[in-house]
Amino acid sequence: MPSALHHLHKRKRVNLKKEKYPPKERLKILMDKLIYLVAIGGPIISLAQAYEIWFNKTAAGVSLITWGGYFLGSFAWLAYGVTHKEKPLILNSILWIFVNGLIVVGTFLYR
């Protein structure tokens, strides 16, 4: 998940005293806001897969192992985001847990 790169960059700026946080440059402010769009956009795109499973009641070609792995991995990212108090990562992880959960449950029911 790309949100981790945002977190790493923020920690470098603060801990290594390379830059002040929050930034004053417009581009950096824009990028810090844009990450929220990415955090929300990724899970929304995957809702198409959940829609196909739940409304067509078929999970043909959908890997339960793959989506189950994504589902479990989202909990690790959520724990990481909470530990480091990274709002974009927390938001992203919660959305992925919801979307991946829909896909996993639907795949289990309709395979």
PDB file of N, CA and C in Angstrom:
ATOM      1  N   MET A   1       0.836  -1.181   0.000  1.00  0.00           N
ATOM      2  CA  MET A   1       0.000   0.000   0.000  1.00  0.00           C
ATOM      3  C   MET A   1       0.884   1.249   0.000  1.00  0.00           C
ATOM      4  N   PRO A   2       0.617   2.144  -0.917  1.00  0.00           N
ATOM      5  CA  PRO A   2       1.446   3.330  -1.056  1.00  0.00           C
ATOM      6  C   PRO A   2       1.394   4.259   0.144  1.00  0.00           C
ATOM      7  N   SER A   3       0.395   4.120   0.994  1.00  0.00           N
ATOM      8  CA  SER A   3       0.280   5.018   2.141  1.00  0.00           C
ATOM      9  C   SER A   3       1.484   4.904   3.070  1.00  0.00           C
ATOM     10  N   ALA A   4       2.120   3.746   3.086  1.00  0.00           N
ATOM     11  CA  ALA A   4       3.288   3.558   3.939  1.00  0.00           C
ATOM     12  C   ALA A   4       4.431   4.482   3.527  1.00  0.00           C
ATOM     13  N   LEU A   5       4.539   4.755   2.227  1.00  0.00           N
ATOM     14  CA  LEU A   5       5.591   5.657   1.760  1.00  0.00           C
ATOM     15  C   LEU A   5       5.380   7.066   2.292  1.00  0.00           C
ATOM     16  N   HIS A   6       4.117   7.484   2.367  1.00  0.00           N
ATOM     17  CA  HIS A   6       3.797   8.793   2.941  1.00  0.00           C
ATOM     18  C   HIS A   6       4.264   8.853   4.390  1.00  0.00           C
ATOM     19  N   HIS A   7       3.989   7.794   5.129  1.00  0.00           N
ATOM     20  CA  HIS A   7       4.383   7.742   6.537  1.00  0.00           C
ATOM     21  C   HIS A   7       5.904   7.795   6.688  1.00  0.00           C
ATOM     22  N   LEU A   8       6.608   7.007   5.894  1.00  0.00           N
ATOM     23  CA  LEU A   8       8.068   6.978   5.969  1.00  0.00           C
ATOM     24  C   LEU A   8       8.638   8.363   5.661  1.00  0.00           C
ATOM     25  N   HIS A   9       8.091   9.014   4.653  1.00  0.00           N
ATOM     26  CA  HIS A   9       8.573  10.341   4.285  1.00  0.00           C
ATOM     27  C   HIS A   9       8.344  11.343   5.420  1.00  0.00           C
ATOM     28  N   LYS A  10       7.189  11.276   6.048  1.00  0.00           N
ATOM     29  CA  LYS A  10       6.884  12.188   7.156  1.00  0.00           C
ATOM     30  C   LYS A  10       7.851  11.961   8.316  1.00  0.00           C
ATOM     31  N   ARG A  11       8.101  10.700   8.651  1.00  0.00           N
ATOM     32  CA  ARG A  11       9.015  10.405   9.763  1.00  0.00           C
ATOM     33  C   ARG A  11      10.430  10.885   9.467  1.00  0.00           C
ATOM     34  N   LYS A  12      10.873  10.736   8.231  1.00  0.00           N
ATOM     35  CA  LYS A  12      12.203  11.225   7.871  1.00  0.00           C
ATOM     36  C   LYS A  12      12.292  12.731   8.064  1.00  0.00           C
ATOM     37  N   ARG A  13      11.264  13.442   7.613  1.00  0.00           N
ATOM     38  CA  ARG A  13      11.279  14.900   7.721  1.00  0.00           C
ATOM     39  C   ARG A  13      11.340  15.344   9.169  1.00  0.00           C
ATOM     40  N   VAL A  14      10.578  14.687  10.020  1.00  0.00           N
ATOM     41  CA  VAL A  14      10.506  15.106  11.419  1.00  0.00           C
ATOM     42  C   VAL A  14      11.749  14.660  12.182  1.00  0.00           C
ATOM     43  N   ASN A  15      12.089  13.386  12.109  1.00  0.00           N
ATOM     44  CA  ASN A  15      13.169  12.832  12.930  1.00  0.00           C
ATOM     45  C   ASN A  15      14.564  13.252  12.479  1.00  0.00           C
ATOM     46  N   LEU A  16      14.776  13.390  11.200  1.00  0.00           N
ATOM     47  CA  LEU A  16      16.096  13.782  10.710  1.00  0.00           C
ATOM     48  C   LEU A  16      16.231  15.296  10.566  1.00  0.00           C
ATOM     49  N   LYS A  17      15.154  15.999  10.905  1.00  0.00           N
ATOM     50  CA  LYS A  17      15.127  17.453  10.853  1.00  0.00           C
ATOM     51  C   LYS A  17      15.520  17.991   9.476  1.00  0.00           C
ATOM     52  N   LYS A  18      15.105  17.255   8.435  1.00  0.00           N
ATOM     53  CA  LYS A  18      15.386  17.696   7.078  1.00  0.00           C
ATOM     54  C   LYS A  18      14.445  18.806   6.636  1.00  0.00           C
ATOM     55  N   GLU A  19      13.205  18.732   7.092  1.00  0.00           N
ATOM     56  CA  GLU A  19      12.215  19.733   6.724  1.00  0.00           C
ATOM     57  C   GLU A  19      11.281  19.957   7.897  1.00  0.00           C
ATOM     58  N   LYS A  20      10.629  21.096   7.894  1.00  0.00           N
ATOM     59  CA  LYS A  20       9.634  21.361   8.923  1.00  0.00           C
ATOM     60  C   LYS A  20       8.341  20.656   8.544  1.00  0.00           C
ATOM     61  N   TYR A  21       7.611  20.259   9.561  1.00  0.00           N
ATOM     62  CA  TYR A  21       6.307  19.649   9.325  1.00  0.00           C
ATOM     63  C   TYR A  21       5.285  20.369  10.161  1.00  0.00           C
ATOM     64  N   PRO A  22       4.188  20.763   9.637  1.00  0.00           N
ATOM     65  CA  PRO A  22       3.731  20.573   8.260  1.00  0.00           C
ATOM     66  C   PRO A  22       4.488  21.480   7.293  1.00  0.00           C
ATOM     67  N   PRO A  23       4.547  21.075   6.035  1.00  0.00           N
ATOM     68  CA  PRO A  23       5.311  21.849   5.057  1.00  0.00           C
ATOM     69  C   PRO A  23       4.621  23.162   4.719  1.00  0.00           C
ATOM     70  N   LYS A  24       5.398  24.095   4.215  1.00  0.00           N
ATOM     71  CA  LYS A  24       4.857  25.380   3.819  1.00  0.00           C
ATOM     72  C   LYS A  24       4.756  25.502   2.292  1.00  0.00           C
ATOM     73  N   GLU A  25       5.432  24.620   1.567  1.00  0.00           N
ATOM     74  CA  GLU A  25       5.409  24.670   0.113  1.00  0.00           C
ATOM     75  C   GLU A  25       4.063  24.145  -0.403  1.00  0.00           C
ATOM     76  N   ARG A  26       3.530  24.827  -1.417  1.00  0.00           N
ATOM     77  CA  ARG A  26       2.211  24.468  -1.958  1.00  0.00           C
ATOM     78  C   ARG A  26       2.172  23.048  -2.522  1.00  0.00           C
ATOM     79  N   LEU A  27       3.216  22.636  -3.214  1.00  0.00           N
ATOM     80  CA  LEU A  27       3.222  21.299  -3.805  1.00  0.00           C
ATOM     81  C   LEU A  27       3.158  20.225  -2.724  1.00  0.00           C
ATOM     82  N   LYS A  28       3.901  20.411  -1.672  1.00  0.00           N
ATOM     83  CA  LYS A  28       3.902  19.420  -0.591  1.00  0.00           C
ATOM     84  C   LYS A  28       2.564  19.408   0.150  1.00  0.00           C
ATOM     85  N   ILE A  29       1.963  20.557   0.321  1.00  0.00           N
ATOM     86  CA  ILE A  29       0.637  20.626   0.944  1.00  0.00           C
ATOM     87  C   ILE A  29      -0.372  19.896   0.058  1.00  0.00           C
ATOM     88  N   LEU A  30      -0.288  20.127  -1.246  1.00  0.00           N
ATOM     89  CA  LEU A  30      -1.169  19.450  -2.197  1.00  0.00           C
ATOM     90  C   LEU A  30      -0.981  17.934  -2.132  1.00  0.00           C
ATOM     91  N   MET A  31       0.258  17.483  -2.096  1.00  0.00           N
ATOM     92  CA  MET A  31       0.531  16.043  -2.035  1.00  0.00           C
ATOM     93  C   MET A  31       0.005  15.431  -0.741  1.00  0.00           C
ATOM     94  N   ASP A  32       0.138  16.152   0.367  1.00  0.00           N
ATOM     95  CA  ASP A  32      -0.383  15.647   1.639  1.00  0.00           C
ATOM     96  C   ASP A  32      -1.910  15.514   1.594  1.00  0.00           C
ATOM     97  N   LYS A  33      -2.572  16.374   0.830  1.00  0.00           N
ATOM     98  CA  LYS A  33      -4.021  16.267   0.674  1.00  0.00           C
ATOM     99  C   LYS A  33      -4.397  15.210  -0.362  1.00  0.00           C
ATOM    100  N   LEU A  34      -3.591  15.108  -1.409  1.00  0.00           N
ATOM    101  CA  LEU A  34      -3.861  14.151  -2.485  1.00  0.00           C
ATOM    102  C   LEU A  34      -3.815  12.711  -1.983  1.00  0.00           C
ATOM    103  N   ILE A  35      -3.013  12.452  -0.977  1.00  0.00           N
ATOM    104  CA  ILE A  35      -2.901  11.082  -0.469  1.00  0.00           C
ATOM    105  C   ILE A  35      -4.243  10.593   0.073  1.00  0.00           C
ATOM    106  N   TYR A  36      -5.077  11.505   0.555  1.00  0.00           N
ATOM    107  CA  TYR A  36      -6.416  11.105   1.016  1.00  0.00           C
ATOM    108  C   TYR A  36      -7.279  10.649  -0.156  1.00  0.00           C
ATOM    109  N   LEU A  37      -7.143  11.298  -1.299  1.00  0.00           N
ATOM    110  CA  LEU A  37      -7.870  10.869  -2.490  1.00  0.00           C
ATOM    111  C   LEU A  37      -7.442   9.466  -2.897  1.00  0.00           C
ATOM    112  N   VAL A  38      -6.155   9.210  -2.844  1.00  0.00           N
ATOM    113  CA  VAL A  38      -5.635   7.883  -3.166  1.00  0.00           C
ATOM    114  C   VAL A  38      -6.107   6.852  -2.136  1.00  0.00           C
ATOM    115  N   ALA A  39      -6.095   7.233  -0.865  1.00  0.00           N
ATOM    116  CA  ALA A  39      -6.512   6.324   0.199  1.00  0.00           C
ATOM    117  C   ALA A  39      -7.968   5.908   0.051  1.00  0.00           C
ATOM    118  N   ILE A  40      -8.797   6.799  -0.448  1.00  0.00           N
ATOM    119  CA  ILE A  40     -10.217   6.504  -0.634  1.00  0.00           C
ATOM    120  C   ILE A  40     -10.474   5.886  -2.010  1.00  0.00           C
ATOM    121  N   GLY A  41      -9.751   6.346  -3.006  1.00  0.00           N
ATOM    122  CA  GLY A  41      -9.973   5.894  -4.383  1.00  0.00           C
ATOM    123  C   GLY A  41      -9.676   4.432  -4.631  1.00  0.00           C
ATOM    124  N   GLY A  42      -8.609   3.907  -4.074  1.00  0.00           N
ATOM    125  CA  GLY A  42      -8.247   2.506  -4.287  1.00  0.00           C
ATOM    126  C   GLY A  42      -9.342   1.538  -3.869  1.00  0.00           C
ATOM    127  N   PRO A  43      -9.814   1.633  -2.637  1.00  0.00           N
ATOM    128  CA  PRO A  43     -10.903   0.743  -2.231  1.00  0.00           C
ATOM    129  C   PRO A  43     -12.190   0.940  -3.031  1.00  0.00           C
ATOM    130  N   ILE A  44     -12.483   2.175  -3.415  1.00  0.00           N
ATOM    131  CA  ILE A  44     -13.695   2.414  -4.200  1.00  0.00           C
ATOM    132  C   ILE A  44     -13.630   1.690  -5.541  1.00  0.00           C
ATOM    133  N   ILE A  45     -12.463   1.683  -6.166  1.00  0.00           N
ATOM    134  CA  ILE A  45     -12.296   0.987  -7.439  1.00  0.00           C
ATOM    135  C   ILE A  45     -12.596  -0.502  -7.281  1.00  0.00           C
ATOM    136  N   SER A  46     -12.193  -1.085  -6.161  1.00  0.00           N
ATOM    137  CA  SER A  46     -12.419  -2.515  -5.937  1.00  0.00           C
ATOM    138  C   SER A  46     -13.863  -2.841  -5.589  1.00  0.00           C
ATOM    139  N   LEU A  47     -14.670  -1.839  -5.323  1.00  0.00           N
ATOM    140  CA  LEU A  47     -16.088  -2.103  -5.075  1.00  0.00           C
ATOM    141  C   LEU A  47     -16.767  -2.719  -6.296  1.00  0.00           C
ATOM    142  N   ALA A  48     -16.227  -2.491  -7.483  1.00  0.00           N
ATOM    143  CA  ALA A  48     -16.774  -3.112  -8.692  1.00  0.00           C
ATOM    144  C   ALA A  48     -16.716  -4.632  -8.585  1.00  0.00           C
ATOM    145  N   GLN A  49     -15.652  -5.157  -8.008  1.00  0.00           N
ATOM    146  CA  GLN A  49     -15.532  -6.610  -7.826  1.00  0.00           C
ATOM    147  C   GLN A  49     -16.580  -7.107  -6.828  1.00  0.00           C
ATOM    148  N   ALA A  50     -16.753  -6.383  -5.734  1.00  0.00           N
ATOM    149  CA  ALA A  50     -17.763  -6.759  -4.738  1.00  0.00           C
ATOM    150  C   ALA A  50     -19.158  -6.697  -5.351  1.00  0.00           C
ATOM    151  N   TYR A  51     -19.423  -5.684  -6.160  1.00  0.00           N
ATOM    152  CA  TYR A  51     -20.716  -5.550  -6.831  1.00  0.00           C
ATOM    153  C   TYR A  51     -20.991  -6.769  -7.707  1.00  0.00           C
ATOM    154  N   GLU A  52     -20.009  -7.160  -8.500  1.00  0.00           N
ATOM    155  CA  GLU A  52     -20.167  -8.321  -9.384  1.00  0.00           C
ATOM    156  C   GLU A  52     -20.502  -9.585  -8.593  1.00  0.00           C
ATOM    157  N   ILE A  53     -19.828  -9.778  -7.493  1.00  0.00           N
ATOM    158  CA  ILE A  53     -20.053 -10.978  -6.683  1.00  0.00           C
ATOM    159  C   ILE A  53     -21.441 -10.953  -6.045  1.00  0.00           C
ATOM    160  N   TRP A  54     -21.789  -9.854  -5.399  1.00  0.00           N
ATOM    161  CA  TRP A  54     -23.026  -9.795  -4.622  1.00  0.00           C
ATOM    162  C   TRP A  54     -24.280  -9.655  -5.475  1.00  0.00           C
ATOM    163  N   PHE A  55     -24.219  -8.937  -6.579  1.00  0.00           N
ATOM    164  CA  PHE A  55     -25.429  -8.732  -7.374  1.00  0.00           C
ATOM    165  C   PHE A  55     -25.624  -9.804  -8.440  1.00  0.00           C
ATOM    166  N   ASN A  56     -24.536 -10.386  -8.937  1.00  0.00           N
ATOM    167  CA  ASN A  56     -24.655 -11.488  -9.893  1.00  0.00           C
ATOM    168  C   ASN A  56     -24.616 -12.841  -9.193  1.00  0.00           C
ATOM    169  N   LYS A  57     -24.319 -12.822  -7.917  1.00  0.00           N
ATOM    170  CA  LYS A  57     -24.257 -14.021  -7.077  1.00  0.00           C
ATOM    171  C   LYS A  57     -23.347 -15.106  -7.667  1.00  0.00           C
ATOM    172  N   THR A  58     -22.206 -14.646  -8.142  1.00  0.00           N
ATOM    173  CA  THR A  58     -21.199 -15.572  -8.639  1.00  0.00           C
ATOM    174  C   THR A  58     -19.812 -15.013  -8.340  1.00  0.00           C
ATOM    175  N   ALA A  59     -18.926 -15.930  -7.977  1.00  0.00           N
ATOM    176  CA  ALA A  59     -17.549 -15.527  -7.703  1.00  0.00           C
ATOM    177  C   ALA A  59     -16.593 -16.302  -8.605  1.00  0.00           C
ATOM    178  N   ALA A  60     -17.075 -16.650  -9.780  1.00  0.00           N
ATOM    179  CA  ALA A  60     -16.250 -17.396 -10.729  1.00  0.00           C
ATOM    180  C   ALA A  60     -14.997 -16.597 -11.065  1.00  0.00           C
ATOM    181  N   GLY A  61     -13.862 -17.237 -10.940  1.00  0.00           N
ATOM    182  CA  GLY A  61     -12.597 -16.601 -11.275  1.00  0.00           C
ATOM    183  C   GLY A  61     -12.012 -15.719 -10.178  1.00  0.00           C
ATOM    184  N   VAL A  62     -12.663 -15.660  -9.027  1.00  0.00           N
ATOM    185  CA  VAL A  62     -12.170 -14.838  -7.920  1.00  0.00           C
ATOM    186  C   VAL A  62     -11.454 -15.755  -6.935  1.00  0.00           C
ATOM    187  N   SER A  63     -10.229 -15.427  -6.600  1.00  0.00           N
ATOM    188  CA  SER A  63      -9.429 -16.257  -5.700  1.00  0.00           C
ATOM    189  C   SER A  63      -9.701 -15.904  -4.244  1.00  0.00           C
ATOM    190  N   LEU A  64     -10.264 -16.863  -3.512  1.00  0.00           N
ATOM    191  CA  LEU A  64     -10.520 -16.669  -2.092  1.00  0.00           C
ATOM    192  C   LEU A  64      -9.214 -16.500  -1.323  1.00  0.00           C
ATOM    193  N   ILE A  65      -8.192 -17.216  -1.724  1.00  0.00           N
ATOM    194  CA  ILE A  65      -6.896 -17.121  -1.040  1.00  0.00           C
ATOM    195  C   ILE A  65      -6.295 -15.723  -1.223  1.00  0.00           C
ATOM    196  N   THR A  66      -6.336 -15.209  -2.445  1.00  0.00           N
ATOM    197  CA  THR A  66      -5.767 -13.888  -2.712  1.00  0.00           C
ATOM    198  C   THR A  66      -6.503 -12.802  -1.939  1.00  0.00           C
ATOM    199  N   TRP A  67      -7.826 -12.765  -2.066  1.00  0.00           N
ATOM    200  CA  TRP A  67      -8.593 -11.716  -1.392  1.00  0.00           C
ATOM    201  C   TRP A  67      -8.581 -11.907   0.122  1.00  0.00           C
ATOM    202  N   GLY A  68      -8.509 -13.154   0.575  1.00  0.00           N
ATOM    203  CA  GLY A  68      -8.371 -13.407   2.017  1.00  0.00           C
ATOM    204  C   GLY A  68      -7.051 -12.864   2.538  1.00  0.00           C
ATOM    205  N   GLY A  69      -5.997 -13.020   1.732  1.00  0.00           N
ATOM    206  CA  GLY A  69      -4.695 -12.460   2.102  1.00  0.00           C
ATOM    207  C   GLY A  69      -4.724 -10.943   2.169  1.00  0.00           C
ATOM    208  N   TYR A  70      -5.380 -10.326   1.196  1.00  0.00           N
ATOM    209  CA  TYR A  70      -5.534  -8.866   1.229  1.00  0.00           C
ATOM    210  C   TYR A  70      -6.306  -8.433   2.473  1.00  0.00           C
ATOM    211  N   PHE A  71      -7.359  -9.185   2.788  1.00  0.00           N
ATOM    212  CA  PHE A  71      -8.195  -8.881   3.955  1.00  0.00           C
ATOM    213  C   PHE A  71      -7.364  -8.922   5.238  1.00  0.00           C
ATOM    214  N   LEU A  72      -6.608  -9.997   5.424  1.00  0.00           N
ATOM    215  CA  LEU A  72      -5.776 -10.121   6.627  1.00  0.00           C
ATOM    216  C   LEU A  72      -4.659  -9.080   6.641  1.00  0.00           C
ATOM    217  N   GLY A  73      -4.070  -8.823   5.490  1.00  0.00           N
ATOM    218  CA  GLY A  73      -3.019  -7.821   5.404  1.00  0.00           C
ATOM    219  C   GLY A  73      -3.502  -6.421   5.771  1.00  0.00           C
ATOM    220  N   SER A  74      -4.765  -6.141   5.486  1.00  0.00           N
ATOM    221  CA  SER A  74      -5.330  -4.829   5.825  1.00  0.00           C
ATOM    222  C   SER A  74      -5.337  -4.588   7.327  1.00  0.00           C
ATOM    223  N   PHE A  75      -5.507  -5.653   8.104  1.00  0.00           N
ATOM    224  CA  PHE A  75      -5.476  -5.503   9.561  1.00  0.00           C
ATOM    225  C   PHE A  75      -4.068  -5.144  10.046  1.00  0.00           C
ATOM    226  N   ALA A  76      -3.058  -5.718   9.394  1.00  0.00           N
ATOM    227  CA  ALA A  76      -1.677  -5.374   9.752  1.00  0.00           C
ATOM    228  C   ALA A  76      -1.398  -3.907   9.431  1.00  0.00           C
ATOM    229  N   TRP A  77      -1.866  -3.440   8.248  1.00  0.00           N
ATOM    230  CA  TRP A  77      -1.674  -2.040   7.885  1.00  0.00           C
ATOM    231  C   TRP A  77      -2.434  -1.113   8.825  1.00  0.00           C
ATOM    232  N   LEU A  78      -3.617  -1.538   9.265  1.00  0.00           N
ATOM    233  CA  LEU A  78      -4.385  -0.727  10.213  1.00  0.00           C
ATOM    234  C   LEU A  78      -3.631  -0.603  11.531  1.00  0.00           C
ATOM    235  N   ALA A  79      -3.106  -1.710  12.020  1.00  0.00           N
ATOM    236  CA  ALA A  79      -2.339  -1.674  13.268  1.00  0.00           C
ATOM    237  C   ALA A  79      -1.116  -0.764  13.124  1.00  0.00           C
ATOM    238  N   TYR A  80      -0.449  -0.841  11.994  1.00  0.00           N
ATOM    239  CA  TYR A  80       0.708   0.006  11.733  1.00  0.00           C
ATOM    240  C   TYR A  80       0.302   1.483  11.717  1.00  0.00           C
ATOM    241  N   GLY A  81      -0.795   1.791  11.023  1.00  0.00           N
ATOM    242  CA  GLY A  81      -1.273   3.167  10.945  1.00  0.00           C
ATOM    243  C   GLY A  81      -1.669   3.722  12.297  1.00  0.00           C
ATOM    244  N   VAL A  82      -2.335   2.898  13.113  1.00  0.00           N
ATOM    245  CA  VAL A  82      -2.740   3.336  14.449  1.00  0.00           C
ATOM    246  C   VAL A  82      -1.504   3.546  15.323  1.00  0.00           C
ATOM    247  N   THR A  83      -0.561   2.630  15.236  1.00  0.00           N
ATOM    248  CA  THR A  83       0.667   2.731  16.023  1.00  0.00           C
ATOM    249  C   THR A  83       1.410   4.035  15.732  1.00  0.00           C
ATOM    250  N   HIS A  84       1.460   4.414  14.455  1.00  0.00           N
ATOM    251  CA  HIS A  84       2.208   5.611  14.051  1.00  0.00           C
ATOM    252  C   HIS A  84       1.313   6.838  13.875  1.00  0.00           C
ATOM    253  N   LYS A  85       0.031   6.700  14.210  1.00  0.00           N
ATOM    254  CA  LYS A  85      -0.927   7.809  14.158  1.00  0.00           C
ATOM    255  C   LYS A  85      -0.955   8.478  12.777  1.00  0.00           C
ATOM    256  N   GLU A  86      -1.045   7.641  11.750  1.00  0.00           N
ATOM    257  CA  GLU A  86      -1.089   8.121  10.370  1.00  0.00           C
ATOM    258  C   GLU A  86      -2.518   8.053   9.856  1.00  0.00           C
ATOM    259  N   LYS A  87      -3.184   9.193   9.815  1.00  0.00           N
ATOM    260  CA  LYS A  87      -4.594   9.232   9.428  1.00  0.00           C
ATOM    261  C   LYS A  87      -4.860   8.683   8.023  1.00  0.00           C
ATOM    262  N   PRO A  88      -4.057   9.038   7.010  1.00  0.00           N
ATOM    263  CA  PRO A  88      -4.345   8.484   5.677  1.00  0.00           C
ATOM    264  C   PRO A  88      -4.250   6.954   5.660  1.00  0.00           C
ATOM    265  N   LEU A  89      -3.293   6.418   6.350  1.00  0.00           N
ATOM    266  CA  LEU A  89      -3.104   4.974   6.390  1.00  0.00           C
ATOM    267  C   LEU A  89      -4.226   4.291   7.170  1.00  0.00           C
ATOM    268  N   ILE A  90      -4.680   4.904   8.239  1.00  0.00           N
ATOM    269  CA  ILE A  90      -5.796   4.355   9.021  1.00  0.00           C
ATOM    270  C   ILE A  90      -7.060   4.344   8.169  1.00  0.00           C
ATOM    271  N   LEU A  91      -7.362   5.457   7.525  1.00  0.00           N
ATOM    272  CA  LEU A  91      -8.531   5.548   6.666  1.00  0.00           C
ATOM    273  C   LEU A  91      -8.469   4.508   5.555  1.00  0.00           C
ATOM    274  N   ASN A  92      -7.342   4.438   4.882  1.00  0.00           N
ATOM    275  CA  ASN A  92      -7.147   3.494   3.796  1.00  0.00           C
ATOM    276  C   ASN A  92      -7.341   2.055   4.266  1.00  0.00           C
ATOM    277  N   SER A  93      -6.783   1.718   5.395  1.00  0.00           N
ATOM    278  CA  SER A  93      -6.877   0.351   5.908  1.00  0.00           C
ATOM    279  C   SER A  93      -8.304  -0.016   6.289  1.00  0.00           C
ATOM    280  N   ILE A  94      -9.021   0.902   6.908  1.00  0.00           N
ATOM    281  CA  ILE A  94     -10.419   0.631   7.277  1.00  0.00           C
ATOM    282  C   ILE A  94     -11.258   0.390   6.025  1.00  0.00           C
ATOM    283  N   LEU A  95     -11.059   1.212   5.015  1.00  0.00           N
ATOM    284  CA  LEU A  95     -11.804   1.025   3.772  1.00  0.00           C
ATOM    285  C   LEU A  95     -11.464  -0.300   3.106  1.00  0.00           C
ATOM    286  N   TRP A  96     -10.173  -0.659   3.103  1.00  0.00           N
ATOM    287  CA  TRP A  96      -9.776  -1.938   2.511  1.00  0.00           C
ATOM    288  C   TRP A  96     -10.347  -3.119   3.295  1.00  0.00           C
ATOM    289  N   ILE A  97     -10.390  -3.020   4.607  1.00  0.00           N
ATOM    290  CA  ILE A  97     -10.979  -4.099   5.411  1.00  0.00           C
ATOM    291  C   ILE A  97     -12.435  -4.290   5.011  1.00  0.00           C
ATOM    292  N   PHE A  98     -13.165  -3.198   4.859  1.00  0.00           N
ATOM    293  CA  PHE A  98     -14.571  -3.277   4.462  1.00  0.00           C
ATOM    294  C   PHE A  98     -14.720  -3.912   3.078  1.00  0.00           C
ATOM    295  N   VAL A  99     -14.003  -3.380   2.085  1.00  0.00           N
ATOM    296  CA  VAL A  99     -14.132  -3.866   0.707  1.00  0.00           C
ATOM    297  C   VAL A  99     -13.636  -5.304   0.584  1.00  0.00           C
ATOM    298  N   ASN A 100     -12.461  -5.586   1.137  1.00  0.00           N
ATOM    299  CA  ASN A 100     -11.933  -6.949   1.062  1.00  0.00           C
ATOM    300  C   ASN A 100     -12.839  -7.928   1.801  1.00  0.00           C
ATOM    301  N   GLY A 101     -13.432  -7.484   2.908  1.00  0.00           N
ATOM    302  CA  GLY A 101     -14.364  -8.329   3.645  1.00  0.00           C
ATOM    303  C   GLY A 101     -15.585  -8.673   2.810  1.00  0.00           C
ATOM    304  N   LEU A 102     -16.121  -7.691   2.093  1.00  0.00           N
ATOM    305  CA  LEU A 102     -17.253  -7.952   1.203  1.00  0.00           C
ATOM    306  C   LEU A 102     -16.897  -8.992   0.148  1.00  0.00           C
ATOM    307  N   ILE A 103     -15.718  -8.852  -0.413  1.00  0.00           N
ATOM    308  CA  ILE A 103     -15.293  -9.770  -1.471  1.00  0.00           C
ATOM    309  C   ILE A 103     -15.039 -11.162  -0.913  1.00  0.00           C
ATOM    310  N   VAL A 104     -14.391 -11.263   0.238  1.00  0.00           N
ATOM    311  CA  VAL A 104     -14.109 -12.567   0.830  1.00  0.00           C
ATOM    312  C   VAL A 104     -15.400 -13.292   1.199  1.00  0.00           C
ATOM    313  N   VAL A 105     -16.301 -12.601   1.879  1.00  0.00           N
ATOM    314  CA  VAL A 105     -17.561 -13.233   2.278  1.00  0.00           C
ATOM    315  C   VAL A 105     -18.375 -13.630   1.040  1.00  0.00           C
ATOM    316  N   GLY A 106     -18.464 -12.738   0.061  1.00  0.00           N
ATOM    317  CA  GLY A 106     -19.186 -13.045  -1.169  1.00  0.00           C
ATOM    318  C   GLY A 106     -18.574 -14.205  -1.918  1.00  0.00           C
ATOM    319  N   THR A 107     -17.250 -14.257  -1.977  1.00  0.00           N
ATOM    320  CA  THR A 107     -16.569 -15.355  -2.665  1.00  0.00           C
ATOM    321  C   THR A 107     -16.828 -16.676  -1.940  1.00  0.00           C
ATOM    322  N   PHE A 108     -16.802 -16.637  -0.644  1.00  0.00           N
ATOM    323  CA  PHE A 108     -17.076 -17.843   0.151  1.00  0.00           C
ATOM    324  C   PHE A 108     -18.515 -18.324  -0.080  1.00  0.00           C
ATOM    325  N   LEU A 109     -19.455 -17.404  -0.129  1.00  0.00           N
ATOM    326  CA  LEU A 109     -20.869 -17.780  -0.301  1.00  0.00           C
ATOM    327  C   LEU A 109     -21.225 -18.214  -1.714  1.00  0.00           C
ATOM    328  N   TYR A 110     -20.637 -17.567  -2.725  1.00  0.00           N
ATOM    329  CA  TYR A 110     -21.089 -17.777  -4.098  1.00  0.00           C
ATOM    330  C   TYR A 110     -20.080 -18.487  -4.996  1.00  0.00           C
ATOM    331  N   ARG A 111     -19.135 -19.201  -4.444  1.00  0.00           N
ATOM    332  CA  ARG A 111     -18.174 -19.898  -5.312  1.00  0.00           C
ATOM    333  C   ARG A 111     -18.720 -21.204  -5.806  1.00  0.00           C
TER     334      ARG A 111
END
